[in-house]
C-alpha atoms as a PDB file:
ATOM      1  CA  MET A   1      43.950  11.669  40.432  1.00  0.00           C
ATOM      2  CA  THR A   2      46.883  11.016  38.137  1.00  0.00           C
ATOM      3  CA  LYS A   3      47.084  12.252  34.599  1.00  0.00           C
ATOM      4  CA  HIS A   4      46.678   8.660  33.361  1.00  0.00           C
ATOM      5  CA  ARG A   5      43.460   8.178  35.392  1.00  0.00           C
ATOM      6  CA  TRP A   6      42.079  11.514  34.124  1.00  0.00           C
ATOM      7  CA  THR A   7      42.720  10.382  30.555  1.00  0.00           C
ATOM      8  CA  GLN A   8      40.956   7.048  31.183  1.00  0.00           C
ATOM      9  CA  ALA A   9      37.973   8.789  32.785  1.00  0.00           C
ATOM     10  CA  PHE A  10      37.768  11.282  29.916  1.00  0.00           C
ATOM     11  CA  VAL A  11      37.902   8.520  27.264  1.00  0.00           C
ATOM     12  CA  ALA A  12      35.270   6.436  29.125  1.00  0.00           C
ATOM     13  CA  ALA A  13      32.938   9.431  29.402  1.00  0.00           C
ATOM     14  CA  GLY A  14      33.395  10.227  25.711  1.00  0.00           C
ATOM     15  CA  LEU A  15      32.628   6.644  24.697  1.00  0.00           C
ATOM     16  CA  THR A  16      29.506   6.653  26.867  1.00  0.00           C
ATOM     17  CA  VAL A  17      28.226   9.808  25.162  1.00  0.00           C
ATOM     18  CA  LEU A  18      29.055   8.349  21.734  1.00  0.00           C
ATOM     19  CA  VAL A  19      27.171   5.115  22.503  1.00  0.00           C
ATOM     20  CA  MET A  20      24.132   7.046  23.778  1.00  0.00           C
ATOM     21  CA  PHE A  21      24.133   9.278  20.681  1.00  0.00           C
ATOM     22  CA  THR A  22      24.539   6.333  18.286  1.00  0.00           C
ATOM     23  CA  THR A  23      21.790   4.341  20.030  1.00  0.00           C
ATOM     24  CA  SER A  24      19.438   7.326  19.929  1.00  0.00           C
ATOM     25  CA  ALA A  25      20.152   7.950  16.234  1.00  0.00           C
ATOM     26  CA  THR A  26      19.602   4.281  15.389  1.00  0.00           C
ATOM     27  CA  ARG A  27      16.275   4.220  17.196  1.00  0.00           C
ATOM     28  CA  SER A  28      15.026   7.309  15.377  1.00  0.00           C
ATOM     29  CA  ARG A  29      15.813   5.735  11.998  1.00  0.00           C
ATOM     30  CA  VAL A  30      13.659   2.673  12.663  1.00  0.00           C
ATOM     31  CA  ALA A  31      10.664   4.617  13.959  1.00  0.00           C
ATOM     32  CA  VAL A  32       7.701   4.471  11.602  1.00  0.00           C
ATOM     33  CA  VAL A  33       5.499   7.507  11.298  1.00  0.00           C
ATOM     34  CA  GLY A  34       2.342   7.199   9.245  1.00  0.00           C
ATOM     35  CA  PRO A  35       0.821   4.572   7.000  1.00  0.00           C
ATOM     36  CA  ILE A  36       3.016   2.254   4.940  1.00  0.00           C
ATOM     37  CA  LEU A  37       0.865   0.823   2.161  1.00  0.00           C
ATOM     38  CA  SER A  38       1.404  -2.039  -0.256  1.00  0.00           C
ATOM     39  CA  VAL A  39      -0.759  -3.957  -2.715  1.00  0.00           C
ATOM     40  CA  THR A  40      -0.568  -7.586  -3.830  1.00  0.00           C
ATOM     41  CA  PRO A  41      -0.550  -8.672  -6.501  1.00  0.00           C
ATOM     42  CA  THR A  42       0.766  -5.698  -8.428  1.00  0.00           C
ATOM     43  CA  ALA A  43       0.098  -7.493 -11.730  1.00  0.00           C
ATOM     44  CA  VAL A  44      -3.548  -8.536 -12.123  1.00  0.00           C
ATOM     45  CA  THR A  45      -4.400 -11.099 -14.797  1.00  0.00           C
ATOM     46  CA  PHE A  46      -8.034 -11.599 -15.718  1.00  0.00           C
ATOM     47  CA  ALA A  47      -9.175 -14.992 -16.992  1.00  0.00           C
ATOM     48  CA  PRO A  48     -10.249 -15.080 -20.652  1.00  0.00           C
ATOM     49  CA  THR A  49     -13.529 -13.175 -20.834  1.00  0.00           C
ATOM     50  CA  VAL A  50     -16.193 -13.225 -23.545  1.00  0.00           C
ATOM     51  CA  VAL A  51     -16.743  -9.831 -25.193  1.00  0.00           C
ATOM     52  CA  GLY A  52     -19.542  -8.060 -23.332  1.00  0.00           C
ATOM     53  CA  ALA A  53     -19.161 -10.176 -20.174  1.00  0.00           C
ATOM     54  CA  PHE A  54     -17.685  -9.123 -16.828  1.00  0.00           C
ATOM     55  CA  ASN A  55     -14.737 -10.569 -14.903  1.00  0.00           C
ATOM     56  CA  TYR A  56     -13.528  -9.473 -11.466  1.00  0.00           C
ATOM     57  CA  GLN A  57     -10.274  -9.798  -9.516  1.00  0.00           C
ATOM     58  CA  LEU A  58      -9.341  -8.835  -5.967  1.00  0.00           C
ATOM     59  CA  VAL A  59      -6.114  -7.269  -4.742  1.00  0.00           C
ATOM     60  CA  THR A  60      -5.069  -7.004  -1.096  1.00  0.00           C
ATOM     61  CA  ILE A  61      -4.018  -3.663   0.359  1.00  0.00           C
ATOM     62  CA  THR A  62      -1.891  -3.841   3.515  1.00  0.00           C
ATOM     63  CA  ASN A  63      -1.022  -1.040   5.940  1.00  0.00           C
ATOM     64  CA  SER A  64       2.145  -1.998   7.830  1.00  0.00           C
ATOM     65  CA  GLY A  65       2.660   1.518   9.209  1.00  0.00           C
ATOM     66  CA  ASP A  66       1.630   3.012  12.534  1.00  0.00           C
ATOM     67  CA  ALA A  67      -1.251   5.231  11.350  1.00  0.00           C
ATOM     68  CA  ALA A  68      -4.514   4.613   9.536  1.00  0.00           C
ATOM     69  CA  ASP A  69      -5.252   5.653   5.961  1.00  0.00           C
ATOM     70  CA  TYR A  70      -8.263   5.740   3.627  1.00  0.00           C
ATOM     71  CA  ILE A  71      -8.704   4.943  -0.049  1.00  0.00           C
ATOM     72  CA  THR A  72     -10.013   8.153  -1.596  1.00  0.00           C
ATOM     73  CA  THR A  73     -10.406   7.008  -5.205  1.00  0.00           C
ATOM     74  CA  ALA A  74      -9.181   4.580  -7.842  1.00  0.00           C
ATOM     75  CA  THR A  75      -8.709   4.882 -11.588  1.00  0.00           C
ATOM     76  CA  ALA A  76      -8.146   2.441 -14.438  1.00  0.00           C
ATOM     77  CA  SER A  77      -6.775   3.031 -17.907  1.00  0.00           C
ATOM     78  CA  PRO A  78      -8.020   2.324 -20.439  1.00  0.00           C
ATOM     79  CA  ASN A  79     -11.538   2.535 -19.072  1.00  0.00           C
ATOM     80  CA  PRO A  80     -13.183   0.499 -20.585  1.00  0.00           C
ATOM     81  CA  PRO A  81     -12.308  -2.358 -20.501  1.00  0.00           C
ATOM     82  CA  PHE A  82     -10.827  -2.009 -16.978  1.00  0.00           C
ATOM     83  CA  PHE A  83     -12.602  -0.295 -14.089  1.00  0.00           C
ATOM     84  CA  PRO A  84     -12.516  -0.062 -10.287  1.00  0.00           C
ATOM     85  CA  THR A  85     -15.653  -1.560  -8.715  1.00  0.00           C
ATOM     86  CA  PHE A  86     -15.014  -0.213  -5.199  1.00  0.00           C
ATOM     87  CA  GLY A  87     -16.143  -3.639  -3.977  1.00  0.00           C
ATOM     88  CA  GLY A  88     -14.250  -5.880  -1.581  1.00  0.00           C
ATOM     89  CA  THR A  89     -13.671  -5.672   2.152  1.00  0.00           C
ATOM     90  CA  CYS A  90     -12.107  -2.174   2.009  1.00  0.00           C
ATOM     91  CA  ASN A  91     -15.604  -0.879   1.231  1.00  0.00           C
ATOM     92  CA  THR A  92     -16.927  -2.326   4.503  1.00  0.00           C
ATOM     93  CA  SER A  93     -13.943  -1.336   6.662  1.00  0.00           C
ATOM     94  CA  ILE A  94     -15.343   1.613   8.640  1.00  0.00           C
ATOM     95  CA  ASP A  95     -13.472   3.984  10.935  1.00  0.00           C
ATOM     96  CA  PRO A  96     -15.369   3.883  14.243  1.00  0.00           C
ATOM     97  CA  SER A  97     -14.397   7.481  15.061  1.00  0.00           C
ATOM     98  CA  ASN A  98     -16.025   9.095  11.987  1.00  0.00           C
ATOM     99  CA  ASN A  99     -17.943   6.320  10.129  1.00  0.00           C
ATOM    100  CA  LYS A 100     -15.820   6.757   6.953  1.00  0.00           C
ATOM    101  CA  ASN A 101     -15.402   3.594   4.910  1.00  0.00           C
ATOM    102  CA  TYR A 102     -12.358   2.454   2.902  1.00  0.00           C
ATOM    103  CA  TYR A 103     -10.507   2.657   6.235  1.00  0.00           C
ATOM    104  CA  ILE A 104      -7.237   0.729   6.610  1.00  0.00           C
ATOM    105  CA  PRO A 105      -6.006   0.792  10.222  1.00  0.00           C
ATOM    106  CA  PRO A 106      -2.334   0.163  10.998  1.00  0.00           C
ATOM    107  CA  GLY A 107      -1.450  -3.514  10.912  1.00  0.00           C
ATOM    108  CA  PHE A 108      -4.519  -4.484   8.846  1.00  0.00           C
ATOM    109  CA  SER A 109      -5.340  -5.483   5.267  1.00  0.00           C
ATOM    110  CA  CYS A 110      -8.444  -5.337   3.106  1.00  0.00           C
ATOM    111  CA  THR A 111      -9.397  -6.313  -0.438  1.00  0.00           C
ATOM    112  CA  PHE A 112     -10.267  -4.075  -3.376  1.00  0.00           C
ATOM    113  CA  GLN A 113     -12.042  -5.312  -6.506  1.00  0.00           C
ATOM    114  CA  TRP A 114     -11.179  -4.466 -10.115  1.00  0.00           C
ATOM    115  CA  GLY A 115     -13.293  -5.294 -13.148  1.00  0.00           C
ATOM    116  CA  PHE A 116     -12.712  -6.234 -16.779  1.00  0.00           C
ATOM    117  CA  HIS A 117     -15.493  -5.685 -19.372  1.00  0.00           C
ATOM    118  CA  PRO A 118     -14.083  -6.064 -22.887  1.00  0.00           C
ATOM    119  CA  GLU A 119     -15.850  -4.558 -25.889  1.00  0.00           C
ATOM    120  CA  LYS A 120     -13.807  -6.291 -28.599  1.00  0.00           C
ATOM    121  CA  PRO A 121     -11.719  -9.481 -28.815  1.00  0.00           C
ATOM    122  CA  GLY A 122      -7.984  -9.595 -28.203  1.00  0.00           C
ATOM    123  CA  ARG A 123      -5.352  -9.008 -25.552  1.00  0.00           C
ATOM    124  CA  ARG A 124      -5.876  -5.936 -23.426  1.00  0.00           C
ATOM    125  CA  PRO A 125      -3.157  -4.394 -21.210  1.00  0.00           C
ATOM    126  CA  GLY A 126      -3.945  -1.650 -18.719  1.00  0.00           C
ATOM    127  CA  THR A 127      -3.034   0.066 -15.482  1.00  0.00           C
ATOM    128  CA  GLY A 128      -4.788   0.945 -12.257  1.00  0.00           C
ATOM    129  CA  THR A 129      -4.015   3.418  -9.502  1.00  0.00           C
ATOM    130  CA  LEU A 130      -5.265   3.562  -5.923  1.00  0.00           C
ATOM    131  CA  PHE A 131      -5.180   6.979  -4.248  1.00  0.00           C
ATOM    132  CA  PHE A 132      -5.103   7.472  -0.463  1.00  0.00           C
ATOM    133  CA  GLN A 133      -5.925  10.299   1.919  1.00  0.00           C
ATOM    134  CA  SER A 134      -2.263  10.455   3.007  1.00  0.00           C
ATOM    135  CA  GLY A 135      -1.240  11.314  -0.563  1.00  0.00           C
ATOM    136  CA  ALA A 136       0.169   7.849  -1.232  1.00  0.00           C
ATOM    137  CA  THR A 137      -0.591   6.057  -4.509  1.00  0.00           C
ATOM    138  CA  LEU A 138      -0.276   2.401  -5.444  1.00  0.00           C
ATOM    139  CA  GLY A 139      -0.018   1.282  -9.061  1.00  0.00           C
ATOM    140  CA  LEU A 140      -1.061  -1.965 -10.696  1.00  0.00           C
ATOM    141  CA  THR A 141      -0.848  -3.458 -14.165  1.00  0.00           C
ATOM    142  CA  PHE A 142      -3.707  -5.342 -15.805  1.00  0.00           C
ATOM    143  CA  ALA A 143      -3.755  -8.034 -18.457  1.00  0.00           C
ATOM    144  CA  GLY A 144      -6.957  -9.371 -19.949  1.00  0.00           C
ATOM    145  CA  VAL A 145      -7.895 -11.464 -22.927  1.00  0.00           C
ATOM    146  CA  ALA A 146     -11.259 -10.924 -24.584  1.00  0.00           C
ATOM    147  CA  THR A 147     -12.690 -13.820 -26.561  1.00  0.00           C
ATOM    148  CA  PRO A 148     -15.347 -13.538 -29.282  1.00  0.00           C
ATOM    149  CA  HIS A 149     -18.991 -14.365 -28.487  1.00  0.00           C
END
Protein backbone atom coordinates (compact mmCIF):
# COMPACT_ATOMS: atom_id res chain seq x y z
CA MET A 1 0.00 0.00 0.00
CA THR A 2 1.29 3.45 -0.87
CA LYS A 3 1.85 6.17 1.66
CA HIS A 4 -1.13 8.07 0.21
CA ARG A 5 -3.45 5.05 0.64
CA TRP A 6 -2.22 4.53 4.22
CA THR A 7 -3.04 8.16 4.99
CA GLN A 8 -6.54 7.81 3.49
CA ALA A 9 -7.18 4.61 5.45
CA PHE A 10 -5.93 6.21 8.67
CA VAL A 11 -8.13 9.32 8.19
CA ALA A 12 -11.20 7.17 7.34
CA ALA A 13 -10.67 5.01 10.44
CA GLY A 14 -10.27 8.10 12.61
CA LEU A 15 -13.46 9.66 11.25
CA THR A 16 -15.35 6.42 11.87
CA VAL A 17 -14.24 6.36 15.51
CA LEU A 18 -15.13 10.06 15.89
CA VAL A 19 -18.62 9.50 14.45
CA MET A 20 -19.22 6.49 16.73
CA PHE A 21 -18.04 8.46 19.79
CA THR A 22 -20.14 11.52 18.90
CA THR A 23 -23.24 9.39 18.24
CA SER A 24 -22.79 7.55 21.54
CA ALA A 25 -22.32 10.81 23.46
CA THR A 26 -25.40 12.34 21.84
CA ARG A 27 -27.53 9.34 22.71
CA SER A 28 -26.46 9.42 26.35
CA ARG A 29 -27.46 13.08 26.65
CA VAL A 30 -31.03 12.44 25.53
CA ALA A 31 -31.58 9.43 27.79
CA VAL A 32 -34.05 10.14 30.57
CA VAL A 33 -33.49 8.52 33.92
CA GLY A 34 -36.17 8.92 36.55
CA PRO A 35 -39.37 10.90 36.87
CA ILE A 36 -39.74 14.30 35.22
CA LEU A 37 -42.61 16.09 36.94
CA SER A 38 -44.56 19.21 36.04
CA VAL A 39 -47.74 20.87 37.29
CA THR A 40 -50.31 22.95 35.41
CA PRO A 41 -51.40 25.53 36.09
CA THR A 42 -48.64 26.89 38.28
CA ALA A 43 -50.79 29.90 39.21
CA VAL A 44 -54.12 28.89 40.77
CA THR A 45 -56.87 31.51 40.98
CA PHE A 46 -59.87 30.80 43.17
CA ALA A 47 -63.22 32.35 42.27
CA PRO A 48 -64.51 34.98 44.72
CA THR A 49 -65.47 33.11 47.88
CA VAL A 50 -67.71 34.21 50.74
CA VAL A 51 -65.91 34.37 54.10
CA GLY A 52 -66.38 31.02 55.84
CA ALA A 53 -67.20 29.14 52.62
CA PHE A 54 -65.00 26.68 50.73
CA ASN A 55 -63.71 26.80 47.15
CA TYR A 56 -61.65 24.12 45.40
CA GLN A 57 -59.36 24.03 42.36
CA LEU A 58 -57.58 21.17 40.62
CA VAL A 59 -54.07 21.13 39.19
CA THR A 60 -52.68 18.45 36.88
CA ILE A 61 -49.41 16.72 37.70
CA THR A 62 -47.64 15.06 34.76
CA ASN A 63 -44.75 12.59 34.82
CA SER A 64 -42.97 12.70 31.45
CA GLY A 65 -39.96 10.75 32.72
CA ASP A 66 -39.19 7.04 32.53
CA ALA A 67 -39.79 6.10 36.19
CA ALA A 68 -42.73 6.34 38.56
CA ASP A 69 -42.97 8.73 41.50
CA TYR A 70 -45.31 9.32 44.45
CA ILE A 71 -46.65 12.46 46.09
CA THR A 72 -45.50 12.24 49.70
CA THR A 73 -47.05 15.45 51.06
CA ALA A 74 -48.25 18.93 50.17
CA THR A 75 -48.19 22.22 52.05
CA ALA A 76 -49.88 25.59 51.64
CA SER A 77 -48.96 28.96 53.06
CA PRO A 78 -50.65 30.75 54.61
CA ASN A 79 -52.78 27.95 56.01
CA PRO A 80 -55.55 29.08 56.39
CA PRO A 81 -56.95 30.23 54.01
CA PHE A 82 -55.22 27.82 51.58
CA PHE A 83 -54.87 24.08 52.18
CA PRO A 84 -54.16 20.84 50.31
CA THR A 85 -57.20 18.54 50.27
CA PHE A 86 -55.35 15.47 48.96
CA GLY A 87 -58.40 14.92 46.74
CA GLY A 88 -58.35 14.40 42.99
CA THR A 89 -57.32 11.45 40.86
CA CYS A 90 -53.78 11.26 42.32
CA ASN A 91 -55.41 9.96 45.52
CA THR A 92 -56.93 7.03 43.62
CA SER A 93 -53.87 6.26 41.47
CA ILE A 94 -52.51 3.10 43.13
CA ASP A 95 -49.24 1.32 42.42
CA PRO A 96 -50.21 -2.30 41.70
CA SER A 97 -46.89 -3.60 43.06
CA ASN A 98 -47.28 -2.21 46.61
CA ASN A 99 -50.81 -0.69 46.85
CA LYS A 100 -49.43 2.82 47.60
CA ASN A 101 -51.64 5.65 46.38
CA TYR A 102 -50.58 9.05 44.99
CA TYR A 103 -48.72 7.00 42.35
CA ILE A 104 -47.75 8.72 39.09
CA PRO A 105 -46.38 6.20 36.56
CA PRO A 106 -44.17 7.38 33.70
CA GLY A 107 -46.15 8.92 30.88
CA PHE A 108 -49.24 9.57 33.04
CA SER A 109 -50.98 12.51 34.71
CA CYS A 110 -53.32 12.90 37.66
CA THR A 111 -55.13 15.75 39.40
CA PHE A 112 -54.53 17.19 42.86
CA GLN A 113 -57.05 19.39 44.68
CA TRP A 114 -56.31 22.58 46.62
CA GLY A 115 -58.76 24.43 48.84
CA PHE A 116 -59.48 28.03 49.80
CA HIS A 117 -61.37 28.81 53.05
CA PRO A 118 -61.11 32.52 53.85
CA GLU A 119 -61.66 33.83 57.37
CA LYS A 120 -61.81 37.54 56.52
CA PRO A 121 -62.63 39.59 53.40
CA GLY A 122 -60.03 40.78 50.92
CA ARG A 123 -57.44 39.56 48.46
CA ARG A 124 -55.36 36.63 49.63
CA PRO A 125 -52.10 35.54 47.96
CA GLY A 126 -50.39 32.28 48.88
CA THR A 127 -48.13 29.46 47.79
CA GLY A 128 -48.32 25.69 47.67
CA THR A 129 -45.68 22.99 47.40
CA LEU A 130 -45.99 19.37 46.33
CA PHE A 131 -43.30 17.00 47.62
CA PHE A 132 -42.41 13.69 45.93
CA GLN A 133 -40.69 10.49 46.98
CA SER A 134 -37.88 11.17 44.47
CA GLY A 135 -37.02 14.40 46.31
CA ALA A 136 -38.57 16.60 43.63
CA THR A 137 -40.79 19.55 44.60
CA LEU A 138 -43.27 21.54 42.55
CA GLY A 139 -44.34 25.04 43.56
CA LEU A 140 -47.57 26.90 42.89
CA THR A 141 -48.92 30.35 43.61
CA PHE A 142 -52.45 31.00 44.84
CA ALA A 143 -54.73 34.00 44.51
CA GLY A 144 -58.09 34.21 46.21
CA VAL A 145 -60.61 36.91 46.92
CA ALA A 146 -62.78 36.64 50.01
CA THR A 147 -66.08 38.51 49.97
CA PRO A 148 -68.08 39.53 53.05
CA HIS A 149 -71.10 37.46 54.13
